[in-house]
Amino acid sequence: MANNSQPSGERGTKAKPIYEVSANSHVAVLDDKIDSTNAQVAKLVNLMTTKMEVKACGLCSLEDHPTYMCPILYEDEVK
């Protein structure tokens, strides 16, 4: 018998692991990422569409402008 031959009992004992790549696991990961992104976009849209609390001007009590832009402050400049 040749020196490099293996005994018949050792040949089948060491099985190499077989790694299966499942497309379903990749799809699930992508679905989770899409769901997370959709939730973040929904929060952003909600922030953008929510009306900011309007505070009345401290000088004239109107709500259409902040105090620093009150027309009363700029009346002298117009004349």
PDB file of N, CA and C in Angstrom:
ATOM      1  N   MET A   1       0.834  -1.169   0.000  1.00  0.00           N
ATOM      2  CA  MET A   1       0.000   0.000   0.000  1.00  0.00           C
ATOM      3  C   MET A   1       0.886   1.241   0.000  1.00  0.00           C
ATOM      4  N   ALA A   2       0.447   2.301  -0.601  1.00  0.00           N
ATOM      5  CA  ALA A   2       1.245   3.519  -0.722  1.00  0.00           C
ATOM      6  C   ALA A   2       1.244   4.260   0.605  1.00  0.00           C
ATOM      7  N   ASN A   3       2.315   5.043   0.832  1.00  0.00           N
ATOM      8  CA  ASN A   3       2.460   5.784   2.087  1.00  0.00           C
ATOM      9  C   ASN A   3       1.425   6.898   2.255  1.00  0.00           C
ATOM     10  N   ASN A   4       0.963   7.477   1.173  1.00  0.00           N
ATOM     11  CA  ASN A   4       0.048   8.598   1.289  1.00  0.00           C
ATOM     12  C   ASN A   4      -1.425   8.176   1.267  1.00  0.00           C
ATOM     13  N   SER A   5      -1.697   6.927   1.294  1.00  0.00           N
ATOM     14  CA  SER A   5      -3.095   6.490   1.297  1.00  0.00           C
ATOM     15  C   SER A   5      -3.669   6.593   2.706  1.00  0.00           C
ATOM     16  N   GLN A   6      -4.952   6.845   2.794  1.00  0.00           N
ATOM     17  CA  GLN A   6      -5.605   6.997   4.092  1.00  0.00           C
ATOM     18  C   GLN A   6      -6.366   5.711   4.421  1.00  0.00           C
ATOM     19  N   PRO A   7      -6.389   5.388   5.682  1.00  0.00           N
ATOM     20  CA  PRO A   7      -7.219   4.245   6.054  1.00  0.00           C
ATOM     21  C   PRO A   7      -8.679   4.558   5.785  1.00  0.00           C
ATOM     22  N   SER A   8      -9.459   3.580   5.449  1.00  0.00           N
ATOM     23  CA  SER A   8     -10.834   3.802   5.038  1.00  0.00           C
ATOM     24  C   SER A   8     -11.700   4.373   6.153  1.00  0.00           C
ATOM     25  N   GLY A   9     -11.392   4.209   7.426  1.00  0.00           N
ATOM     26  CA  GLY A   9     -12.208   4.690   8.526  1.00  0.00           C
ATOM     27  C   GLY A   9     -12.117   6.192   8.739  1.00  0.00           C
ATOM     28  N   GLU A  10     -11.041   6.852   8.342  1.00  0.00           N
ATOM     29  CA  GLU A  10     -10.855   8.280   8.594  1.00  0.00           C
ATOM     30  C   GLU A  10     -11.493   9.164   7.525  1.00  0.00           C
ATOM     31  N   ARG A  11     -11.780   8.650   6.396  1.00  0.00           N
ATOM     32  CA  ARG A  11     -12.225   9.454   5.267  1.00  0.00           C
ATOM     33  C   ARG A  11     -13.553  10.182   5.548  1.00  0.00           C
ATOM     34  N   GLY A  12     -14.541   9.558   6.118  1.00  0.00           N
ATOM     35  CA  GLY A  12     -15.847  10.164   6.297  1.00  0.00           C
ATOM     36  C   GLY A  12     -16.053  10.813   7.662  1.00  0.00           C
ATOM     37  N   THR A  13     -15.084  10.812   8.563  1.00  0.00           N
ATOM     38  CA  THR A  13     -15.299  11.333   9.911  1.00  0.00           C
ATOM     39  C   THR A  13     -15.226  12.846  10.003  1.00  0.00           C
ATOM     40  N   LYS A  14     -14.470  13.494   9.189  1.00  0.00           N
ATOM     41  CA  LYS A  14     -14.330  14.948   9.247  1.00  0.00           C
ATOM     42  C   LYS A  14     -15.152  15.577   8.132  1.00  0.00           C
ATOM     43  N   ALA A  15     -16.377  15.978   8.484  1.00  0.00           N
ATOM     44  CA  ALA A  15     -17.243  16.620   7.495  1.00  0.00           C
ATOM     45  C   ALA A  15     -17.003  18.118   7.531  1.00  0.00           C
ATOM     46  N   LYS A  16     -16.842  18.691   6.388  1.00  0.00           N
ATOM     47  CA  LYS A  16     -16.671  20.145   6.292  1.00  0.00           C
ATOM     48  C   LYS A  16     -18.046  20.798   6.392  1.00  0.00           C
ATOM     49  N   PRO A  17     -18.138  21.901   7.142  1.00  0.00           N
ATOM     50  CA  PRO A  17     -19.445  22.553   7.251  1.00  0.00           C
ATOM     51  C   PRO A  17     -19.856  23.162   5.914  1.00  0.00           C
ATOM     52  N   ILE A  18     -21.114  23.079   5.638  1.00  0.00           N
ATOM     53  CA  ILE A  18     -21.662  23.666   4.421  1.00  0.00           C
ATOM     54  C   ILE A  18     -22.495  24.862   4.838  1.00  0.00           C
ATOM     55  N   TYR A  19     -22.161  26.027   4.299  1.00  0.00           N
ATOM     56  CA  TYR A  19     -22.858  27.255   4.647  1.00  0.00           C
ATOM     57  C   TYR A  19     -23.896  27.547   3.577  1.00  0.00           C
ATOM     58  N   GLU A  20     -25.128  27.584   3.998  1.00  0.00           N
ATOM     59  CA  GLU A  20     -26.182  27.898   3.072  1.00  0.00           C
ATOM     60  C   GLU A  20     -26.512  29.381   3.187  1.00  0.00           C
ATOM     61  N   VAL A  21     -26.590  30.028   2.064  1.00  0.00           N
ATOM     62  CA  VAL A  21     -26.974  31.429   2.043  1.00  0.00           C
ATOM     63  C   VAL A  21     -28.429  31.471   1.631  1.00  0.00           C
ATOM     64  N   SER A  22     -29.231  31.888   2.553  1.00  0.00           N
ATOM     65  CA  SER A  22     -30.661  31.934   2.292  1.00  0.00           C
ATOM     66  C   SER A  22     -31.038  33.328   1.819  1.00  0.00           C
ATOM     67  N   ALA A  23     -31.690  33.398   0.704  1.00  0.00           N
ATOM     68  CA  ALA A  23     -32.152  34.689   0.191  1.00  0.00           C
ATOM     69  C   ALA A  23     -33.192  35.268   1.122  1.00  0.00           C
ATOM     70  N   ASN A  24     -33.928  34.418   1.815  1.00  0.00           N
ATOM     71  CA  ASN A  24     -34.964  34.896   2.722  1.00  0.00           C
ATOM     72  C   ASN A  24     -34.376  35.707   3.873  1.00  0.00           C
ATOM     73  N   SER A  25     -33.206  35.315   4.375  1.00  0.00           N
ATOM     74  CA  SER A  25     -32.601  36.069   5.476  1.00  0.00           C
ATOM     75  C   SER A  25     -32.152  37.450   5.009  1.00  0.00           C
ATOM     76  N   HIS A  26     -31.671  37.549   3.784  1.00  0.00           N
ATOM     77  CA  HIS A  26     -31.264  38.848   3.246  1.00  0.00           C
ATOM     78  C   HIS A  26     -32.483  39.736   2.998  1.00  0.00           C
ATOM     79  N   VAL A  27     -33.553  39.127   2.535  1.00  0.00           N
ATOM     80  CA  VAL A  27     -34.783  39.878   2.299  1.00  0.00           C
ATOM     81  C   VAL A  27     -35.333  40.394   3.622  1.00  0.00           C
ATOM     82  N   ALA A  28     -35.266  39.579   4.665  1.00  0.00           N
ATOM     83  CA  ALA A  28     -35.756  39.999   5.978  1.00  0.00           C
ATOM     84  C   ALA A  28     -34.953  41.173   6.511  1.00  0.00           C
ATOM     85  N   VAL A  29     -33.655  41.145   6.324  1.00  0.00           N
ATOM     86  CA  VAL A  29     -32.801  42.251   6.775  1.00  0.00           C
ATOM     87  C   VAL A  29     -33.143  43.523   6.009  1.00  0.00           C
ATOM     88  N   LEU A  30     -33.323  43.405   4.716  1.00  0.00           N
ATOM     89  CA  LEU A  30     -33.686  44.570   3.902  1.00  0.00           C
ATOM     90  C   LEU A  30     -35.070  45.094   4.278  1.00  0.00           C
ATOM     91  N   ASP A  31     -36.003  44.195   4.552  1.00  0.00           N
ATOM     92  CA  ASP A  31     -37.333  44.618   4.985  1.00  0.00           C
ATOM     93  C   ASP A  31     -37.258  45.398   6.293  1.00  0.00           C
ATOM     94  N   ASP A  32     -36.425  44.933   7.228  1.00  0.00           N
ATOM     95  CA  ASP A  32     -36.255  45.640   8.497  1.00  0.00           C
ATOM     96  C   ASP A  32     -35.674  47.034   8.269  1.00  0.00           C
ATOM     97  N   LYS A  33     -34.704  47.134   7.369  1.00  0.00           N
ATOM     98  CA  LYS A  33     -34.093  48.435   7.080  1.00  0.00           C
ATOM     99  C   LYS A  33     -35.108  49.372   6.421  1.00  0.00           C
ATOM    100  N   ILE A  34     -35.912  48.835   5.531  1.00  0.00           N
ATOM    101  CA  ILE A  34     -36.932  49.650   4.873  1.00  0.00           C
ATOM    102  C   ILE A  34     -37.960  50.130   5.891  1.00  0.00           C
ATOM    103  N   ASP A  35     -38.380  49.239   6.782  1.00  0.00           N
ATOM    104  CA  ASP A  35     -39.335  49.634   7.818  1.00  0.00           C
ATOM    105  C   ASP A  35     -38.764  50.732   8.712  1.00  0.00           C
ATOM    106  N   SER A  36     -37.500  50.602   9.064  1.00  0.00           N
ATOM    107  CA  SER A  36     -36.841  51.613   9.900  1.00  0.00           C
ATOM    108  C   SER A  36     -36.764  52.947   9.163  1.00  0.00           C
ATOM    109  N   THR A  37     -36.409  52.901   7.888  1.00  0.00           N
ATOM    110  CA  THR A  37     -36.320  54.120   7.092  1.00  0.00           C
ATOM    111  C   THR A  37     -37.692  54.775   6.949  1.00  0.00           C
ATOM    112  N   ASN A  38     -38.719  53.961   6.720  1.00  0.00           N
ATOM    113  CA  ASN A  38     -40.077  54.504   6.603  1.00  0.00           C
ATOM    114  C   ASN A  38     -40.504  55.177   7.898  1.00  0.00           C
ATOM    115  N   ALA A  39     -40.163  54.596   9.030  1.00  0.00           N
ATOM    116  CA  ALA A  39     -40.516  55.198  10.319  1.00  0.00           C
ATOM    117  C   ALA A  39     -39.804  56.533  10.503  1.00  0.00           C
ATOM    118  N   GLN A  40     -38.543  56.597  10.104  1.00  0.00           N
ATOM    119  CA  GLN A  40     -37.781  57.843  10.228  1.00  0.00           C
ATOM    120  C   GLN A  40     -38.356  58.916   9.300  1.00  0.00           C
ATOM    121  N   VAL A  41     -38.731  58.540   8.091  1.00  0.00           N
ATOM    122  CA  VAL A  41     -39.319  59.497   7.149  1.00  0.00           C
ATOM    123  C   VAL A  41     -40.659  59.998   7.685  1.00  0.00           C
ATOM    124  N   ALA A  42     -41.447  59.108   8.268  1.00  0.00           N
ATOM    125  CA  ALA A  42     -42.734  59.513   8.828  1.00  0.00           C
ATOM    126  C   ALA A  42     -42.544  60.526   9.952  1.00  0.00           C
ATOM    127  N   LYS A  43     -41.541  60.306  10.796  1.00  0.00           N
ATOM    128  CA  LYS A  43     -41.254  61.262  11.873  1.00  0.00           C
ATOM    129  C   LYS A  43     -40.835  62.609  11.299  1.00  0.00           C
ATOM    130  N   LEU A  44     -40.001  62.586  10.263  1.00  0.00           N
ATOM    131  CA  LEU A  44     -39.542  63.829   9.636  1.00  0.00           C
ATOM    132  C   LEU A  44     -40.701  64.586   9.002  1.00  0.00           C
ATOM    133  N   VAL A  45     -41.564  63.877   8.307  1.00  0.00           N
ATOM    134  CA  VAL A  45     -42.727  64.516   7.692  1.00  0.00           C
ATOM    135  C   VAL A  45     -43.622  65.115   8.770  1.00  0.00           C
ATOM    136  N   ASN A  46     -43.788  64.392   9.868  1.00  0.00           N
ATOM    137  CA  ASN A  46     -44.604  64.891  10.965  1.00  0.00           C
ATOM    138  C   ASN A  46     -44.006  66.175  11.544  1.00  0.00           C
ATOM    139  N   LEU A  47     -42.693  66.213  11.677  1.00  0.00           N
ATOM    140  CA  LEU A  47     -42.038  67.424  12.185  1.00  0.00           C
ATOM    141  C   LEU A  47     -42.207  68.595  11.220  1.00  0.00           C
ATOM    142  N   MET A  48     -42.124  68.304   9.932  1.00  0.00           N
ATOM    143  CA  MET A  48     -42.207  69.368   8.936  1.00  0.00           C
ATOM    144  C   MET A  48     -43.621  69.908   8.777  1.00  0.00           C
ATOM    145  N   THR A  49     -44.622  69.056   8.999  1.00  0.00           N
ATOM    146  CA  THR A  49     -45.992  69.485   8.799  1.00  0.00           C
ATOM    147  C   THR A  49     -46.654  70.002  10.069  1.00  0.00           C
ATOM    148  N   THR A  50     -46.039  69.740  11.199  1.00  0.00           N
ATOM    149  CA  THR A  50     -46.594  70.230  12.458  1.00  0.00           C
ATOM    150  C   THR A  50     -46.364  71.734  12.544  1.00  0.00           C
ATOM    151  N   LYS A  51     -47.423  72.445  12.805  1.00  0.00           N
ATOM    152  CA  LYS A  51     -47.314  73.899  12.887  1.00  0.00           C
ATOM    153  C   LYS A  51     -46.542  74.259  14.146  1.00  0.00           C
ATOM    154  N   MET A  52     -45.551  75.069  13.960  1.00  0.00           N
ATOM    155  CA  MET A  52     -44.761  75.532  15.098  1.00  0.00           C
ATOM    156  C   MET A  52     -45.636  76.427  15.970  1.00  0.00           C
ATOM    157  N   GLU A  53     -45.390  76.384  17.247  1.00  0.00           N
ATOM    158  CA  GLU A  53     -46.147  77.224  18.165  1.00  0.00           C
ATOM    159  C   GLU A  53     -45.844  78.683  17.864  1.00  0.00           C
ATOM    160  N   VAL A  54     -46.876  79.422  17.582  1.00  0.00           N
ATOM    161  CA  VAL A  54     -46.716  80.826  17.238  1.00  0.00           C
ATOM    162  C   VAL A  54     -46.859  81.653  18.504  1.00  0.00           C
ATOM    163  N   LYS A  55     -45.860  82.469  18.747  1.00  0.00           N
ATOM    164  CA  LYS A  55     -45.908  83.369  19.899  1.00  0.00           C
ATOM    165  C   LYS A  55     -46.211  84.772  19.400  1.00  0.00           C
ATOM    166  N   ALA A  56     -47.016  85.451  20.158  1.00  0.00           N
ATOM    167  CA  ALA A  56     -47.380  86.817  19.778  1.00  0.00           C
ATOM    168  C   ALA A  56     -46.172  87.731  19.940  1.00  0.00           C
ATOM    169  N   CYS A  57     -46.145  88.749  19.091  1.00  0.00           N
ATOM    170  CA  CYS A  57     -45.102  89.768  19.166  1.00  0.00           C
ATOM    171  C   CYS A  57     -45.181  90.448  20.538  1.00  0.00           C
ATOM    172  N   GLY A  58     -44.037  90.671  21.123  1.00  0.00           N
ATOM    173  CA  GLY A  58     -43.991  91.303  22.434  1.00  0.00           C
ATOM    174  C   GLY A  58     -44.298  92.790  22.409  1.00  0.00           C
ATOM    175  N   LEU A  59     -44.285  93.401  21.225  1.00  0.00           N
ATOM    176  CA  LEU A  59     -44.539  94.836  21.133  1.00  0.00           C
ATOM    177  C   LEU A  59     -45.987  95.152  20.738  1.00  0.00           C
ATOM    178  N   CYS A  60     -46.508  94.461  19.723  1.00  0.00           N
ATOM    179  CA  CYS A  60     -47.847  94.804  19.218  1.00  0.00           C
ATOM    180  C   CYS A  60     -48.874  93.691  19.428  1.00  0.00           C
ATOM    181  N   SER A  61     -48.462  92.550  19.961  1.00  0.00           N
ATOM    182  CA  SER A  61     -49.324  91.395  20.264  1.00  0.00           C
ATOM    183  C   SER A  61     -49.874  90.680  19.040  1.00  0.00           C
ATOM    184  N   LEU A  62     -49.404  90.984  17.854  1.00  0.00           N
ATOM    185  CA  LEU A  62     -49.820  90.245  16.664  1.00  0.00           C
ATOM    186  C   LEU A  62     -49.013  88.949  16.577  1.00  0.00           C
ATOM    187  N   GLU A  63     -49.594  87.933  15.953  1.00  0.00           N
ATOM    188  CA  GLU A  63     -48.920  86.641  15.839  1.00  0.00           C
ATOM    189  C   GLU A  63     -48.287  86.406  14.470  1.00  0.00           C
ATOM    190  N   ASP A  64     -48.324  87.383  13.585  1.00  0.00           N
ATOM    191  CA  ASP A  64     -47.813  87.162  12.232  1.00  0.00           C
ATOM    192  C   ASP A  64     -46.325  87.455  12.084  1.00  0.00           C
ATOM    193  N   HIS A  65     -45.672  87.854  13.165  1.00  0.00           N
ATOM    194  CA  HIS A  65     -44.233  88.116  13.098  1.00  0.00           C
ATOM    195  C   HIS A  65     -43.636  88.018  14.505  1.00  0.00           C
ATOM    196  N   PRO A  66     -42.342  87.691  14.571  1.00  0.00           N
ATOM    197  CA  PRO A  66     -41.677  87.685  15.880  1.00  0.00           C
ATOM    198  C   PRO A  66     -41.369  89.112  16.321  1.00  0.00           C
ATOM    199  N   THR A  67     -41.037  89.258  17.576  1.00  0.00           N
ATOM    200  CA  THR A  67     -40.790  90.591  18.133  1.00  0.00           C
ATOM    201  C   THR A  67     -39.687  91.332  17.387  1.00  0.00           C
ATOM    202  N   TYR A  68     -38.619  90.645  17.026  1.00  0.00           N
ATOM    203  CA  TYR A  68     -37.490  91.337  16.377  1.00  0.00           C
ATOM    204  C   TYR A  68     -37.836  91.829  14.973  1.00  0.00           C
ATOM    205  N   MET A  69     -38.954  91.378  14.402  1.00  0.00           N
ATOM    206  CA  MET A  69     -39.361  91.844  13.078  1.00  0.00           C
ATOM    207  C   MET A  69     -40.599  92.739  13.134  1.00  0.00           C
ATOM    208  N   CYS A  70     -40.952  93.218  14.297  1.00  0.00           N
ATOM    209  CA  CYS A  70     -42.144  94.042  14.462  1.00  0.00           C
ATOM    210  C   CYS A  70     -42.007  95.337  13.653  1.00  0.00           C
ATOM    211  N   PRO A  71     -43.046  95.695  12.908  1.00  0.00           N
ATOM    212  CA  PRO A  71     -43.015  96.930  12.117  1.00  0.00           C
ATOM    213  C   PRO A  71     -42.811  98.175  12.977  1.00  0.00           C
ATOM    214  N   ILE A  72     -43.205  98.123  14.229  1.00  0.00           N
ATOM    215  CA  ILE A  72     -43.010  99.270  15.122  1.00  0.00           C
ATOM    216  C   ILE A  72     -41.524  99.610  15.247  1.00  0.00           C
ATOM    217  N   LEU A  73     -40.675  98.600  15.218  1.00  0.00           N
ATOM    218  CA  LEU A  73     -39.237  98.836  15.331  1.00  0.00           C
ATOM    219  C   LEU A  73     -38.680  99.557  14.108  1.00  0.00           C
ATOM    220  N   TYR A  74     -39.335  99.400  12.983  1.00  0.00           N
ATOM    221  CA  TYR A  74     -38.805  99.952  11.735  1.00  0.00           C
ATOM    222  C   TYR A  74     -39.592 101.145  11.212  1.00  0.00           C
ATOM    223  N   GLU A  75     -40.495 101.698  11.993  1.00  0.00           N
ATOM    224  CA  GLU A  75     -41.299 102.832  11.546  1.00  0.00           C
ATOM    225  C   GLU A  75     -40.435 104.064  11.262  1.00  0.00           C
ATOM    226  N   ASP A  76     -39.421 104.308  12.059  1.00  0.00           N
ATOM    227  CA  ASP A  76     -38.565 105.473  11.870  1.00  0.00           C
ATOM    228  C   ASP A  76     -37.732 105.362  10.594  1.00  0.00           C
ATOM    229  N   GLU A  77     -37.366 104.150  10.207  1.00  0.00           N
ATOM    230  CA  GLU A  77     -36.539 103.958   9.020  1.00  0.00           C
ATOM    231  C   GLU A  77     -37.316 104.237   7.734  1.00  0.00           C
ATOM    232  N   VAL A  78     -38.624 104.017   7.738  1.00  0.00           N
ATOM    233  CA  VAL A  78     -39.448 104.198   6.548  1.00  0.00           C
ATOM    234  C   VAL A  78     -39.642 105.671   6.248  1.00  0.00           C
ATOM    235  N   LYS A  79     -39.768 106.506   7.266  1.00  0.00           N
ATOM    236  CA  LYS A  79     -40.042 107.942   7.073  1.00  0.00           C
ATOM    237  C   LYS A  79     -38.885 108.682   6.530  1.00  0.00           C
TER     238      LYS A  79
END
